Amino acid sequence: MKIVRIILAIIVLALSAYQIITQNFELMPYSMLFLGAIMLLTGLAEVQKDRKGFYMSIVVSSFLFFVSILGFLMN
């Protein structure tokens, strides 16, 4: 699961760098989608470790998925 989080982080970093350099923000929903996936995996890792802080990761992940879907629908 750690490798998947690293790969998703690299994708988010690459998309964000591209958007900043080119000032083209059409890929923002994809960035939000992958960022939501990272937060979801973080929350699931916290659940597996029996920690209490996973609630915030799950809430943030849900919000990011919602914003990503709205971004896809608006384009």
PDB file of N, CA and C in Angstrom:
ATOM      1  N   MET A   1       0.826  -1.193   0.000  1.00  0.00           N
ATOM      2  CA  MET A   1       0.000   0.000   0.000  1.00  0.00           C
ATOM      3  C   MET A   1       0.870   1.257   0.000  1.00  0.00           C
ATOM      4  N   LYS A   2       2.055   1.147   0.590  1.00  0.00           N
ATOM      5  CA  LYS A   2       2.949   2.293   0.633  1.00  0.00           C
ATOM      6  C   LYS A   2       3.445   2.660  -0.773  1.00  0.00           C
ATOM      7  N   ILE A   3       3.675   1.655  -1.590  1.00  0.00           N
ATOM      8  CA  ILE A   3       4.144   1.905  -2.957  1.00  0.00           C
ATOM      9  C   ILE A   3       3.060   2.610  -3.767  1.00  0.00           C
ATOM     10  N   VAL A   4       1.813   2.225  -3.557  1.00  0.00           N
ATOM     11  CA  VAL A   4       0.699   2.861  -4.270  1.00  0.00           C
ATOM     12  C   VAL A   4       0.593   4.326  -3.863  1.00  0.00           C
ATOM     13  N   ARG A   5       0.758   4.621  -2.559  1.00  0.00           N
ATOM     14  CA  ARG A   5       0.709   6.018  -2.103  1.00  0.00           C
ATOM     15  C   ARG A   5       1.841   6.835  -2.711  1.00  0.00           C
ATOM     16  N   ILE A   6       3.013   6.237  -2.835  1.00  0.00           N
ATOM     17  CA  ILE A   6       4.148   6.953  -3.430  1.00  0.00           C
ATOM     18  C   ILE A   6       3.884   7.232  -4.904  1.00  0.00           C
ATOM     19  N   ILE A   7       3.352   6.254  -5.616  1.00  0.00           N
ATOM     20  CA  ILE A   7       3.046   6.448  -7.037  1.00  0.00           C
ATOM     21  C   ILE A   7       1.983   7.525  -7.210  1.00  0.00           C
ATOM     22  N   LEU A   8       0.941   7.489  -6.384  1.00  0.00           N
ATOM     23  CA  LEU A   8      -0.099   8.524  -6.468  1.00  0.00           C
ATOM     24  C   LEU A   8       0.463   9.899  -6.133  1.00  0.00           C
ATOM     25  N   ALA A   9       1.362   9.966  -5.160  1.00  0.00           N
ATOM     26  CA  ALA A   9       1.975  11.246  -4.800  1.00  0.00           C
ATOM     27  C   ALA A   9       2.815  11.803  -5.952  1.00  0.00           C
ATOM     28  N   ILE A  10       3.515  10.936  -6.652  1.00  0.00           N
ATOM     29  CA  ILE A  10       4.309  11.380  -7.798  1.00  0.00           C
ATOM     30  C   ILE A  10       3.391  11.891  -8.908  1.00  0.00           C
ATOM     31  N   ILE A  11       2.269  11.211  -9.128  1.00  0.00           N
ATOM     32  CA  ILE A  11       1.310  11.655 -10.146  1.00  0.00           C
ATOM     33  C   ILE A  11       0.753  13.022  -9.784  1.00  0.00           C
ATOM     34  N   VAL A  12       0.362  13.202  -8.523  1.00  0.00           N
ATOM     35  CA  VAL A  12      -0.177  14.498  -8.085  1.00  0.00           C
ATOM     36  C   VAL A  12       0.871  15.587  -8.220  1.00  0.00           C
ATOM     37  N   LEU A  13       2.088  15.285  -7.836  1.00  0.00           N
ATOM     38  CA  LEU A  13       3.172  16.263  -7.938  1.00  0.00           C
ATOM     39  C   LEU A  13       3.434  16.648  -9.392  1.00  0.00           C
ATOM     40  N   ALA A  14       3.449  15.674 -10.277  1.00  0.00           N
ATOM     41  CA  ALA A  14       3.692  15.953 -11.694  1.00  0.00           C
ATOM     42  C   ALA A  14       2.544  16.780 -12.295  1.00  0.00           C
ATOM     43  N   LEU A  15       1.302  16.408 -11.988  1.00  0.00           N
ATOM     44  CA  LEU A  15       0.164  17.180 -12.504  1.00  0.00           C
ATOM     45  C   LEU A  15       0.164  18.603 -11.971  1.00  0.00           C
ATOM     46  N   SER A  16       0.468  18.760 -10.697  1.00  0.00           N
ATOM     47  CA  SER A  16       0.484  20.092 -10.103  1.00  0.00           C
ATOM     48  C   SER A  16       1.604  20.951 -10.692  1.00  0.00           C
ATOM     49  N   ALA A  17       2.771  20.354 -10.873  1.00  0.00           N
ATOM     50  CA  ALA A  17       3.880  21.100 -11.470  1.00  0.00           C
ATOM     51  C   ALA A  17       3.542  21.524 -12.897  1.00  0.00           C
ATOM     52  N   TYR A  18       2.923  20.635 -13.662  1.00  0.00           N
ATOM     53  CA  TYR A  18       2.518  20.968 -15.027  1.00  0.00           C
ATOM     54  C   TYR A  18       1.525  22.127 -15.033  1.00  0.00           C
ATOM     55  N   GLN A  19       0.567  22.087 -14.110  1.00  0.00           N
ATOM     56  CA  GLN A  19      -0.437  23.136 -14.065  1.00  0.00           C
ATOM     57  C   GLN A  19       0.160  24.483 -13.667  1.00  0.00           C
ATOM     58  N   ILE A  20       1.113  24.473 -12.764  1.00  0.00           N
ATOM     59  CA  ILE A  20       1.740  25.723 -12.343  1.00  0.00           C
ATOM     60  C   ILE A  20       2.612  26.293 -13.460  1.00  0.00           C
ATOM     61  N   ILE A  21       3.358  25.438 -14.126  1.00  0.00           N
ATOM     62  CA  ILE A  21       4.271  25.905 -15.172  1.00  0.00           C
ATOM     63  C   ILE A  21       3.510  26.434 -16.378  1.00  0.00           C
ATOM     64  N   THR A  22       2.469  25.721 -16.812  1.00  0.00           N
ATOM     65  CA  THR A  22       1.758  26.099 -18.028  1.00  0.00           C
ATOM     66  C   THR A  22       0.571  27.028 -17.783  1.00  0.00           C
ATOM     67  N   GLN A  23       0.196  27.219 -16.511  1.00  0.00           N
ATOM     68  CA  GLN A  23      -0.987  28.016 -16.157  1.00  0.00           C
ATOM     69  C   GLN A  23      -2.250  27.470 -16.819  1.00  0.00           C
ATOM     70  N   ASN A  24      -2.275  26.167 -17.073  1.00  0.00           N
ATOM     71  CA  ASN A  24      -3.417  25.474 -17.668  1.00  0.00           C
ATOM     72  C   ASN A  24      -4.020  24.585 -16.580  1.00  0.00           C
ATOM     73  N   PHE A  25      -5.197  24.975 -16.081  1.00  0.00           N
ATOM     74  CA  PHE A  25      -5.787  24.286 -14.941  1.00  0.00           C
ATOM     75  C   PHE A  25      -6.917  23.345 -15.338  1.00  0.00           C
ATOM     76  N   GLU A  26      -6.891  22.849 -16.562  1.00  0.00           N
ATOM     77  CA  GLU A  26      -7.912  21.909 -17.007  1.00  0.00           C
ATOM     78  C   GLU A  26      -7.735  20.528 -16.385  1.00  0.00           C
ATOM     79  N   LEU A  27      -6.565  20.226 -15.877  1.00  0.00           N
ATOM     80  CA  LEU A  27      -6.298  18.924 -15.270  1.00  0.00           C
ATOM     81  C   LEU A  27      -6.542  18.912 -13.764  1.00  0.00           C
ATOM     82  N   MET A  28      -7.086  19.993 -13.230  1.00  0.00           N
ATOM     83  CA  MET A  28      -7.313  20.088 -11.788  1.00  0.00           C
ATOM     84  C   MET A  28      -8.218  18.971 -11.241  1.00  0.00           C
ATOM     85  N   PRO A  29      -9.297  18.577 -11.938  1.00  0.00           N
ATOM     86  CA  PRO A  29     -10.100  17.469 -11.394  1.00  0.00           C
ATOM     87  C   PRO A  29      -9.312  16.159 -11.234  1.00  0.00           C
ATOM     88  N   TYR A  30      -8.380  15.912 -12.136  1.00  0.00           N
ATOM     89  CA  TYR A  30      -7.552  14.716 -12.018  1.00  0.00           C
ATOM     90  C   TYR A  30      -6.641  14.811 -10.798  1.00  0.00           C
ATOM     91  N   SER A  31      -6.082  15.991 -10.574  1.00  0.00           N
ATOM     92  CA  SER A  31      -5.247  16.187  -9.389  1.00  0.00           C
ATOM     93  C   SER A  31      -6.051  15.947  -8.122  1.00  0.00           C
ATOM     94  N   MET A  32      -7.254  16.483  -8.083  1.00  0.00           N
ATOM     95  CA  MET A  32      -8.114  16.298  -6.909  1.00  0.00           C
ATOM     96  C   MET A  32      -8.493  14.826  -6.729  1.00  0.00           C
ATOM     97  N   LEU A  33      -8.749  14.136  -7.822  1.00  0.00           N
ATOM     98  CA  LEU A  33      -9.101  12.718  -7.752  1.00  0.00           C
ATOM     99  C   LEU A  33      -7.956  11.898  -7.160  1.00  0.00           C
ATOM    100  N   PHE A  34      -6.748  12.117  -7.657  1.00  0.00           N
ATOM    101  CA  PHE A  34      -5.600  11.374  -7.147  1.00  0.00           C
ATOM    102  C   PHE A  34      -5.269  11.778  -5.711  1.00  0.00           C
ATOM    103  N   LEU A  35      -5.451  13.048  -5.378  1.00  0.00           N
ATOM    104  CA  LEU A  35      -5.225  13.491  -4.007  1.00  0.00           C
ATOM    105  C   LEU A  35      -6.241  12.867  -3.060  1.00  0.00           C
ATOM    106  N   GLY A  36      -7.481  12.737  -3.511  1.00  0.00           N
ATOM    107  CA  GLY A  36      -8.494  12.047  -2.719  1.00  0.00           C
ATOM    108  C   GLY A  36      -8.145  10.589  -2.504  1.00  0.00           C
ATOM    109  N   ALA A  37      -7.573   9.957  -3.536  1.00  0.00           N
ATOM    110  CA  ALA A  37      -7.159   8.558  -3.399  1.00  0.00           C
ATOM    111  C   ALA A  37      -6.027   8.426  -2.384  1.00  0.00           C
ATOM    112  N   ILE A  38      -5.103   9.374  -2.380  1.00  0.00           N
ATOM    113  CA  ILE A  38      -4.024   9.356  -1.391  1.00  0.00           C
ATOM    114  C   ILE A  38      -4.590   9.483   0.011  1.00  0.00           C
ATOM    115  N   MET A  39      -5.516  10.400   0.203  1.00  0.00           N
ATOM    116  CA  MET A  39      -6.107  10.599   1.528  1.00  0.00           C
ATOM    117  C   MET A  39      -6.906   9.366   1.965  1.00  0.00           C
ATOM    118  N   LEU A  40      -7.588   8.729   1.017  1.00  0.00           N
ATOM    119  CA  LEU A  40      -8.335   7.521   1.353  1.00  0.00           C
ATOM    120  C   LEU A  40      -7.396   6.397   1.781  1.00  0.00           C
ATOM    121  N   LEU A  41      -6.303   6.223   1.070  1.00  0.00           N
ATOM    122  CA  LEU A  41      -5.328   5.200   1.446  1.00  0.00           C
ATOM    123  C   LEU A  41      -4.684   5.508   2.792  1.00  0.00           C
ATOM    124  N   THR A  42      -4.453   6.787   3.063  1.00  0.00           N
ATOM    125  CA  THR A  42      -3.910   7.181   4.363  1.00  0.00           C
ATOM    126  C   THR A  42      -4.892   6.849   5.479  1.00  0.00           C
ATOM    127  N   GLY A  43      -6.162   7.140   5.243  1.00  0.00           N
ATOM    128  CA  GLY A  43      -7.178   6.815   6.237  1.00  0.00           C
ATOM    129  C   GLY A  43      -7.299   5.317   6.470  1.00  0.00           C
ATOM    130  N   LEU A  44      -7.236   4.536   5.401  1.00  0.00           N
ATOM    131  CA  LEU A  44      -7.311   3.082   5.543  1.00  0.00           C
ATOM    132  C   LEU A  44      -6.092   2.521   6.272  1.00  0.00           C
ATOM    133  N   ALA A  45      -4.929   3.122   6.045  1.00  0.00           N
ATOM    134  CA  ALA A  45      -3.733   2.694   6.767  1.00  0.00           C
ATOM    135  C   ALA A  45      -3.869   3.012   8.258  1.00  0.00           C
ATOM    136  N   GLU A  46      -4.484   4.140   8.577  1.00  0.00           N
ATOM    137  CA  GLU A  46      -4.707   4.490   9.980  1.00  0.00           C
ATOM    138  C   GLU A  46      -5.696   3.524  10.637  1.00  0.00           C
ATOM    139  N   VAL A  47      -6.706   3.096   9.891  1.00  0.00           N
ATOM    140  CA  VAL A  47      -7.671   2.131  10.428  1.00  0.00           C
ATOM    141  C   VAL A  47      -6.974   0.814  10.729  1.00  0.00           C
ATOM    142  N   GLN A  48      -6.083   0.383   9.837  1.00  0.00           N
ATOM    143  CA  GLN A  48      -5.374  -0.875  10.049  1.00  0.00           C
ATOM    144  C   GLN A  48      -4.451  -0.812  11.265  1.00  0.00           C
ATOM    145  N   LYS A  49      -3.927   0.381  11.564  1.00  0.00           N
ATOM    146  CA  LYS A  49      -3.044   0.542  12.715  1.00  0.00           C
ATOM    147  C   LYS A  49      -3.824   0.814  14.001  1.00  0.00           C
ATOM    148  N   ASP A  50      -5.155   0.812  13.924  1.00  0.00           N
ATOM    149  CA  ASP A  50      -6.037   1.069  15.076  1.00  0.00           C
ATOM    150  C   ASP A  50      -5.784   2.433  15.702  1.00  0.00           C
ATOM    151  N   ARG A  51      -5.599   3.436  14.871  1.00  0.00           N
ATOM    152  CA  ARG A  51      -5.450   4.803  15.362  1.00  0.00           C
ATOM    153  C   ARG A  51      -6.772   5.534  15.235  1.00  0.00           C
ATOM    154  N   LYS A  52      -6.929   6.578  16.018  1.00  0.00           N
ATOM    155  CA  LYS A  52      -8.197   7.301  16.050  1.00  0.00           C
ATOM    156  C   LYS A  52      -8.256   8.419  15.007  1.00  0.00           C
ATOM    157  N   GLY A  53      -7.152   8.803  14.388  1.00  0.00           N
ATOM    158  CA  GLY A  53      -7.121   9.960  13.506  1.00  0.00           C
ATOM    159  C   GLY A  53      -7.567   9.702  12.087  1.00  0.00           C
ATOM    160  N   PHE A  54      -8.158   8.553  11.840  1.00  0.00           N
ATOM    161  CA  PHE A  54      -8.527   8.239  10.464  1.00  0.00           C
ATOM    162  C   PHE A  54      -9.781   8.975  10.018  1.00  0.00           C
ATOM    163  N   TYR A  55     -10.577   9.482  10.952  1.00  0.00           N
ATOM    164  CA  TYR A  55     -11.823  10.170  10.588  1.00  0.00           C
ATOM    165  C   TYR A  55     -11.569  11.349   9.671  1.00  0.00           C
ATOM    166  N   MET A  56     -10.569  12.157  10.005  1.00  0.00           N
ATOM    167  CA  MET A  56     -10.297  13.354   9.218  1.00  0.00           C
ATOM    168  C   MET A  56      -9.837  12.991   7.812  1.00  0.00           C
ATOM    169  N   SER A  57      -9.040  11.956   7.673  1.00  0.00           N
ATOM    170  CA  SER A  57      -8.584  11.536   6.342  1.00  0.00           C
ATOM    171  C   SER A  57      -9.750  11.077   5.478  1.00  0.00           C
ATOM    172  N   ILE A  58     -10.678  10.353   6.076  1.00  0.00           N
ATOM    173  CA  ILE A  58     -11.838   9.865   5.329  1.00  0.00           C
ATOM    174  C   ILE A  58     -12.735  11.033   4.929  1.00  0.00           C
ATOM    175  N   VAL A  59     -12.927  11.996   5.824  1.00  0.00           N
ATOM    176  CA  VAL A  59     -13.761  13.169   5.523  1.00  0.00           C
ATOM    177  C   VAL A  59     -13.120  14.000   4.416  1.00  0.00           C
ATOM    178  N   VAL A  60     -11.827  14.242   4.508  1.00  0.00           N
ATOM    179  CA  VAL A  60     -11.124  15.020   3.484  1.00  0.00           C
ATOM    180  C   VAL A  60     -11.150  14.284   2.149  1.00  0.00           C
ATOM    181  N   SER A  61     -10.986  12.976   2.184  1.00  0.00           N
ATOM    182  CA  SER A  61     -11.040  12.182   0.962  1.00  0.00           C
ATOM    183  C   SER A  61     -12.413  12.289   0.303  1.00  0.00           C
ATOM    184  N   SER A  62     -13.461  12.199   1.087  1.00  0.00           N
ATOM    185  CA  SER A  62     -14.823  12.323   0.544  1.00  0.00           C
ATOM    186  C   SER A  62     -15.030  13.696  -0.083  1.00  0.00           C
ATOM    187  N   PHE A  63     -14.555  14.734   0.596  1.00  0.00           N
ATOM    188  CA  PHE A  63     -14.680  16.088   0.057  1.00  0.00           C
ATOM    189  C   PHE A  63     -13.917  16.226  -1.261  1.00  0.00           C
ATOM    190  N   LEU A  64     -12.715  15.687  -1.322  1.00  0.00           N
ATOM    191  CA  LEU A  64     -11.924  15.780  -2.548  1.00  0.00           C
ATOM    192  C   LEU A  64     -12.576  15.014  -3.698  1.00  0.00           C
ATOM    193  N   PHE A  65     -13.152  13.861  -3.417  1.00  0.00           N
ATOM    194  CA  PHE A  65     -13.864  13.138  -4.463  1.00  0.00           C
ATOM    195  C   PHE A  65     -15.073  13.935  -4.951  1.00  0.00           C
ATOM    196  N   PHE A  66     -15.792  14.565  -4.028  1.00  0.00           N
ATOM    197  CA  PHE A  66     -16.947  15.387  -4.387  1.00  0.00           C
ATOM    198  C   PHE A  66     -16.522  16.557  -5.279  1.00  0.00           C
ATOM    199  N   VAL A  67     -15.457  17.255  -4.894  1.00  0.00           N
ATOM    200  CA  VAL A  67     -14.969  18.387  -5.679  1.00  0.00           C
ATOM    201  C   VAL A  67     -14.473  17.913  -7.043  1.00  0.00           C
ATOM    202  N   SER A  68     -13.825  16.759  -7.082  1.00  0.00           N
ATOM    203  CA  SER A  68     -13.337  16.214  -8.345  1.00  0.00           C
ATOM    204  C   SER A  68     -14.495  15.891  -9.286  1.00  0.00           C
ATOM    205  N   ILE A  69     -15.542  15.273  -8.763  1.00  0.00           N
ATOM    206  CA  ILE A  69     -16.704  14.951  -9.594  1.00  0.00           C
ATOM    207  C   ILE A  69     -17.361  16.216 -10.115  1.00  0.00           C
ATOM    208  N   LEU A  70     -17.470  17.232  -9.253  1.00  0.00           N
ATOM    209  CA  LEU A  70     -18.022  18.513  -9.727  1.00  0.00           C
ATOM    210  C   LEU A  70     -17.151  19.123 -10.825  1.00  0.00           C
ATOM    211  N   GLY A  71     -15.836  19.001 -10.669  1.00  0.00           N
ATOM    212  CA  GLY A  71     -14.935  19.505 -11.695  1.00  0.00           C
ATOM    213  C   GLY A  71     -15.093  18.789 -13.017  1.00  0.00           C
ATOM    214  N   PHE A  72     -15.291  17.481 -12.973  1.00  0.00           N
ATOM    215  CA  PHE A  72     -15.509  16.715 -14.206  1.00  0.00           C
ATOM    216  C   PHE A  72     -16.828  17.110 -14.860  1.00  0.00           C
ATOM    217  N   LEU A  73     -17.859  17.326 -14.057  1.00  0.00           N
ATOM    218  CA  LEU A  73     -19.177  17.675 -14.601  1.00  0.00           C
ATOM    219  C   LEU A  73     -19.220  19.087 -15.167  1.00  0.00           C
ATOM    220  N   MET A  74     -18.410  19.980 -14.648  1.00  0.00           N
ATOM    221  CA  MET A  74     -18.410  21.368 -15.124  1.00  0.00           C
ATOM    222  C   MET A  74     -17.661  21.521 -16.444  1.00  0.00           C
ATOM    223  N   ASN A  75     -16.758  20.615 -16.734  1.00  0.00           N
ATOM    224  CA  ASN A  75     -15.995  20.718 -17.995  1.00  0.00           C
ATOM    225  C   ASN A  75     -16.728  20.139 -19.150  1.00  0.00           C
TER     226      ASN A  75
END
